C-alpha atoms as a PDB file:
ATOM      1  CA  UNK A   1      40.319  63.656  25.367  1.00  0.00           C
ATOM      2  CA  UNK A   2      42.854  64.450  22.760  1.00  0.00           C
ATOM      3  CA  UNK A   3      45.487  62.925  25.103  1.00  0.00           C
ATOM      4  CA  UNK A   4      43.631  59.440  24.725  1.00  0.00           C
ATOM      5  CA  UNK A   5      43.621  59.587  21.058  1.00  0.00           C
ATOM      6  CA  UNK A   6      47.167  60.335  20.817  1.00  0.00           C
ATOM      7  CA  UNK A   7      48.048  57.656  23.425  1.00  0.00           C
ATOM      8  CA  UNK A   8      45.779  55.124  21.506  1.00  0.00           C
ATOM      9  CA  UNK A   9      47.437  56.095  18.341  1.00  0.00           C
ATOM     10  CA  UNK A  10      51.033  55.520  19.870  1.00  0.00           C
ATOM     11  CA  UNK A  11      49.965  52.289  21.339  1.00  0.00           C
ATOM     12  CA  UNK A  12      48.552  51.084  18.025  1.00  0.00           C
ATOM     13  CA  UNK A  13      51.640  51.950  16.221  1.00  0.00           C
ATOM     14  CA  UNK A  14      53.900  50.488  18.860  1.00  0.00           C
ATOM     15  CA  UNK A  15      52.047  47.256  18.847  1.00  0.00           C
ATOM     16  CA  UNK A  16      51.775  46.663  15.154  1.00  0.00           C
ATOM     17  CA  UNK A  17      55.207  45.387  14.870  1.00  0.00           C
ATOM     18  CA  UNK A  18      54.856  43.020  17.812  1.00  0.00           C
ATOM     19  CA  UNK A  19      51.595  41.764  16.438  1.00  0.00           C
ATOM     20  CA  UNK A  20      53.216  41.097  12.958  1.00  0.00           C
ATOM     21  CA  UNK A  21      55.811  38.869  14.290  1.00  0.00           C
ATOM     22  CA  UNK A  22      55.083  35.174  13.815  1.00  0.00           C
ATOM     23  CA  UNK A  23      54.436  32.867  16.778  1.00  0.00           C
ATOM     24  CA  UNK A  24      57.111  30.703  17.770  1.00  0.00           C
ATOM     25  CA  UNK A  25      57.367  27.587  15.747  1.00  0.00           C
ATOM     26  CA  UNK A  26      55.790  24.639  17.164  1.00  0.00           C
ATOM     27  CA  UNK A  27      58.613  21.988  17.836  1.00  0.00           C
ATOM     28  CA  UNK A  28      59.341  19.783  14.794  1.00  0.00           C
ATOM     29  CA  UNK A  29      58.272  16.244  15.531  1.00  0.00           C
ATOM     30  CA  UNK A  30      61.231  14.823  13.222  1.00  0.00           C
ATOM     31  CA  UNK A  31      63.665  16.783  15.072  1.00  0.00           C
ATOM     32  CA  UNK A  32      62.319  15.956  18.481  1.00  0.00           C
ATOM     33  CA  UNK A  33      62.494  12.077  17.567  1.00  0.00           C
ATOM     34  CA  UNK A  34      66.104  12.656  16.081  1.00  0.00           C
ATOM     35  CA  UNK A  35      67.086  14.441  19.406  1.00  0.00           C
ATOM     36  CA  UNK A  36      65.378  11.352  21.456  1.00  0.00           C
ATOM     37  CA  UNK A  37      67.489   8.993  19.348  1.00  0.00           C
ATOM     38  CA  UNK A  38      70.658  11.000  19.815  1.00  0.00           C
ATOM     39  CA  UNK A  39      69.791  11.008  23.520  1.00  0.00           C
ATOM     40  CA  UNK A  40      69.490   7.222  23.771  1.00  0.00           C
ATOM     41  CA  UNK A  41      72.498   6.587  21.623  1.00  0.00           C
ATOM     42  CA  UNK A  42      74.464   8.804  24.013  1.00  0.00           C
ATOM     43  CA  UNK A  43      73.219   7.193  27.151  1.00  0.00           C
ATOM     44  CA  UNK A  44      74.162   3.796  25.817  1.00  0.00           C
ATOM     45  CA  UNK A  45      77.566   4.622  24.357  1.00  0.00           C
ATOM     46  CA  UNK A  46      78.613   6.998  27.197  1.00  0.00           C
ATOM     47  CA  UNK A  47      76.458   6.289  30.026  1.00  0.00           C
ATOM     48  CA  UNK A  48      76.655   4.246  33.268  1.00  0.00           C
ATOM     49  CA  UNK A  49      78.901   1.622  31.774  1.00  0.00           C
ATOM     50  CA  UNK A  50      81.441   4.016  31.010  1.00  0.00           C
ATOM     51  CA  UNK A  51      81.172   5.565  34.583  1.00  0.00           C
ATOM     52  CA  UNK A  52      81.651   2.217  36.065  1.00  0.00           C
ATOM     53  CA  UNK A  53      85.111   1.614  34.083  1.00  0.00           C
ATOM     54  CA  UNK A  54      86.248   5.146  35.015  1.00  0.00           C
ATOM     55  CA  UNK A  55      85.535   4.228  38.792  1.00  0.00           C
ATOM     56  CA  UNK A  56      87.355   0.924  38.393  1.00  0.00           C
ATOM     57  CA  UNK A  57      90.368   2.857  36.724  1.00  0.00           C
ATOM     58  CA  UNK A  58      90.406   5.348  39.718  1.00  0.00           C
ATOM     59  CA  UNK A  59      90.190   2.788  42.234  1.00  0.00           C
ATOM     60  CA  UNK A  60      92.965   0.839  40.561  1.00  0.00           C
ATOM     61  CA  UNK A  61      95.066   4.051  40.290  1.00  0.00           C
ATOM     62  CA  UNK A  62      94.806   4.750  43.875  1.00  0.00           C
ATOM     63  CA  UNK A  63      94.722   1.204  45.026  1.00  0.00           C
ATOM     64  CA  UNK A  64      98.405   0.555  44.929  1.00  0.00           C
ATOM     65  CA  UNK A  65      98.860   1.443  48.598  1.00  0.00           C
ATOM     66  CA  UNK A  66     100.094   5.086  48.038  1.00  0.00           C
ATOM     67  CA  UNK A  67      97.550   6.594  50.107  1.00  0.00           C
ATOM     68  CA  UNK A  68      95.525   5.599  53.215  1.00  0.00           C
ATOM     69  CA  UNK A  69      92.175   3.692  52.518  1.00  0.00           C
ATOM     70  CA  UNK A  70      89.920   6.415  53.860  1.00  0.00           C
ATOM     71  CA  UNK A  71      91.628   8.872  51.458  1.00  0.00           C
ATOM     72  CA  UNK A  72      91.395   6.487  48.425  1.00  0.00           C
ATOM     73  CA  UNK A  73      87.698   6.116  49.104  1.00  0.00           C
ATOM     74  CA  UNK A  74      87.144   9.775  49.331  1.00  0.00           C
ATOM     75  CA  UNK A  75      89.230  10.490  46.114  1.00  0.00           C
ATOM     76  CA  UNK A  76      87.423   7.756  44.305  1.00  0.00           C
ATOM     77  CA  UNK A  77      83.931   8.708  45.073  1.00  0.00           C
ATOM     78  CA  UNK A  78      84.628  12.397  44.394  1.00  0.00           C
ATOM     79  CA  UNK A  79      86.525  11.902  41.188  1.00  0.00           C
ATOM     80  CA  UNK A  80      83.646   9.701  39.867  1.00  0.00           C
ATOM     81  CA  UNK A  81      81.229  12.329  40.919  1.00  0.00           C
ATOM     82  CA  UNK A  82      83.148  14.866  39.038  1.00  0.00           C
ATOM     83  CA  UNK A  83      83.408  12.544  35.911  1.00  0.00           C
ATOM     84  CA  UNK A  84      79.567  11.930  35.999  1.00  0.00           C
ATOM     85  CA  UNK A  85      78.815  15.601  36.242  1.00  0.00           C
ATOM     86  CA  UNK A  86      81.098  16.472  33.538  1.00  0.00           C
ATOM     87  CA  UNK A  87      79.746  13.729  31.117  1.00  0.00           C
ATOM     88  CA  UNK A  88      76.386  14.962  31.866  1.00  0.00           C
ATOM     89  CA  UNK A  89      77.228  18.336  30.655  1.00  0.00           C
ATOM     90  CA  UNK A  90      79.240  16.989  27.695  1.00  0.00           C
ATOM     91  CA  UNK A  91      76.307  14.825  26.563  1.00  0.00           C
ATOM     92  CA  UNK A  92      73.896  17.718  26.870  1.00  0.00           C
ATOM     93  CA  UNK A  93      76.387  19.842  24.727  1.00  0.00           C
ATOM     94  CA  UNK A  94      77.132  17.155  21.855  1.00  0.00           C
ATOM     95  CA  UNK A  95      73.359  15.891  21.685  1.00  0.00           C
ATOM     96  CA  UNK A  96      72.530  18.337  18.815  1.00  0.00           C
ATOM     97  CA  UNK A  97      75.742  17.458  17.035  1.00  0.00           C
ATOM     98  CA  UNK A  98      74.949  13.885  17.354  1.00  0.00           C
ATOM     99  CA  UNK A  99      71.592  14.310  16.044  1.00  0.00           C
ATOM    100  CA  UNK A 100      72.756  16.219  12.969  1.00  0.00           C
ATOM    101  CA  UNK A 101      75.745  13.903  12.294  1.00  0.00           C
ATOM    102  CA  UNK A 102      73.914  10.710  12.104  1.00  0.00           C
ATOM    103  CA  UNK A 103      70.681   9.997  10.111  1.00  0.00           C
ATOM    104  CA  UNK A 104      67.696   8.390  11.942  1.00  0.00           C
ATOM    105  CA  UNK A 105      68.461   4.989  10.385  1.00  0.00           C
ATOM    106  CA  UNK A 106      71.983   5.134  11.709  1.00  0.00           C
ATOM    107  CA  UNK A 107      71.058   6.042  15.180  1.00  0.00           C
ATOM    108  CA  UNK A 108      68.422   3.405  15.131  1.00  0.00           C
ATOM    109  CA  UNK A 109      70.997   0.722  14.177  1.00  0.00           C
ATOM    110  CA  UNK A 110      73.458   1.975  16.691  1.00  0.00           C
ATOM    111  CA  UNK A 111      70.872   1.823  19.515  1.00  0.00           C
ATOM    112  CA  UNK A 112      69.488  -1.606  18.548  1.00  0.00           C
ATOM    113  CA  UNK A 113      73.075  -2.884  18.484  1.00  0.00           C
ATOM    114  CA  UNK A 114      74.071  -1.266  21.742  1.00  0.00           C
ATOM    115  CA  UNK A 115      71.054  -2.652  23.370  1.00  0.00           C
ATOM    116  CA  UNK A 116      72.091  -6.270  22.726  1.00  0.00           C
ATOM    117  CA  UNK A 117      74.362  -8.200  24.889  1.00  0.00           C
ATOM    118  CA  UNK A 118      77.144  -8.227  22.291  1.00  0.00           C
ATOM    119  CA  UNK A 119      76.768  -4.605  21.702  1.00  0.00           C
ATOM    120  CA  UNK A 120      76.938  -3.865  25.360  1.00  0.00           C
ATOM    121  CA  UNK A 121      80.191  -6.005  25.693  1.00  0.00           C
ATOM    122  CA  UNK A 122      81.805  -4.123  22.699  1.00  0.00           C
ATOM    123  CA  UNK A 123      81.040  -0.724  24.059  1.00  0.00           C
ATOM    124  CA  UNK A 124      82.482  -1.592  27.426  1.00  0.00           C
ATOM    125  CA  UNK A 125      85.665  -2.969  25.726  1.00  0.00           C
ATOM    126  CA  UNK A 126      85.817   0.179  23.589  1.00  0.00           C
ATOM    127  CA  UNK A 127      85.564   2.234  26.679  1.00  0.00           C
ATOM    128  CA  UNK A 128      88.216   0.471  28.549  1.00  0.00           C
ATOM    129  CA  UNK A 129      90.653   0.559  25.334  1.00  0.00           C
ATOM    130  CA  UNK A 130      89.808   4.360  25.046  1.00  0.00           C
ATOM    131  CA  UNK A 131      91.012   4.861  28.658  1.00  0.00           C
ATOM    132  CA  UNK A 132      93.961   2.468  28.213  1.00  0.00           C
ATOM    133  CA  UNK A 133      94.973   4.590  25.097  1.00  0.00           C
ATOM    134  CA  UNK A 134      94.629   7.911  27.035  1.00  0.00           C
ATOM    135  CA  UNK A 135      96.809   6.550  29.792  1.00  0.00           C
ATOM    136  CA  UNK A 136      99.458   5.319  27.397  1.00  0.00           C
ATOM    137  CA  UNK A 137      99.339   8.631  25.579  1.00  0.00           C
ATOM    138  CA  UNK A 138      99.792  10.770  28.665  1.00  0.00           C
ATOM    139  CA  UNK A 139     103.558  10.305  29.239  1.00  0.00           C
ATOM    140  CA  UNK A 140     104.275  10.676  25.423  1.00  0.00           C
ATOM    141  CA  UNK A 141     102.197  13.917  25.212  1.00  0.00           C
ATOM    142  CA  UNK A 142     103.780  15.355  28.356  1.00  0.00           C
ATOM    143  CA  UNK A 143     107.210  14.745  27.015  1.00  0.00           C
ATOM    144  CA  UNK A 144     106.388  16.306  23.453  1.00  0.00           C
ATOM    145  CA  UNK A 145     104.464  19.254  24.837  1.00  0.00           C
ATOM    146  CA  UNK A 146     107.359  20.156  27.175  1.00  0.00           C
ATOM    147  CA  UNK A 147     109.652  19.927  24.119  1.00  0.00           C
ATOM    148  CA  UNK A 148     107.220  22.264  22.211  1.00  0.00           C
ATOM    149  CA  UNK A 149     107.391  24.596  25.090  1.00  0.00           C
ATOM    150  CA  UNK A 150     111.189  24.658  25.114  1.00  0.00           C
ATOM    151  CA  UNK A 151     111.313  25.206  21.322  1.00  0.00           C
ATOM    152  CA  UNK A 152     108.748  27.965  21.571  1.00  0.00           C
ATOM    153  CA  UNK A 153     110.873  29.847  24.127  1.00  0.00           C
ATOM    154  CA  UNK A 154     113.902  29.482  21.909  1.00  0.00           C
ATOM    155  CA  UNK A 155     111.998  30.879  19.095  1.00  0.00           C
ATOM    156  CA  UNK A 156     110.060  33.592  20.977  1.00  0.00           C
ATOM    157  CA  UNK A 157     110.848  35.739  24.035  1.00  0.00           C
ATOM    158  CA  UNK A 158     109.152  33.877  27.035  1.00  0.00           C
ATOM    159  CA  UNK A 159     110.334  36.035  29.733  1.00  0.00           C
ATOM    160  CA  UNK A 160     107.536  38.277  29.525  1.00  0.00           C
ATOM    161  CA  UNK A 161     105.260  35.438  29.900  1.00  0.00           C
ATOM    162  CA  UNK A 162     107.164  34.322  32.926  1.00  0.00           C
ATOM    163  CA  UNK A 163     107.007  37.784  34.484  1.00  0.00           C
ATOM    164  CA  UNK A 164     103.248  37.883  33.901  1.00  0.00           C
ATOM    165  CA  UNK A 165     102.810  34.471  35.499  1.00  0.00           C
ATOM    166  CA  UNK A 166     104.632  35.647  38.479  1.00  0.00           C
ATOM    167  CA  UNK A 167     102.566  38.677  38.826  1.00  0.00           C
ATOM    168  CA  UNK A 168      99.432  36.495  38.570  1.00  0.00           C
ATOM    169  CA  UNK A 169     100.532  33.998  41.303  1.00  0.00           C
ATOM    170  CA  UNK A 170     101.224  36.929  43.901  1.00  0.00           C
END
């Protein structure tokens, strides 16, 4: 009988901290509404319209006859699918940031604007311009990054990195 009393005492002492913990907070309705606004804004500003533009740019990039049609179609489909998957992940990652960065009134205004024909037209043009800017930047970035790499190796010993890279590739 004494064993049961000891077990009961141990269980009571062990359970006390757990029982003292607060129940998880109920979701904050204001926060849930703000996250819903962020979701809607991201869907409008980064959603299907942008995916269509990316697909068009991929098709144009491969459409210059440099590869056979079946390969072009396959690459376009798969690269567009990768882009969609990545954008879904990115949107999920930045949703909280968007909810925190914008006020409810700002998100409501953005949503209202992007839901209009003019807003949709502007967001599509901004997306096209952003893609054009990225394409225009690439050759400049590549040249300058190569230059930074050369300067780095002049300043620091890069032979150890080269040796490590060779070992990794074996």
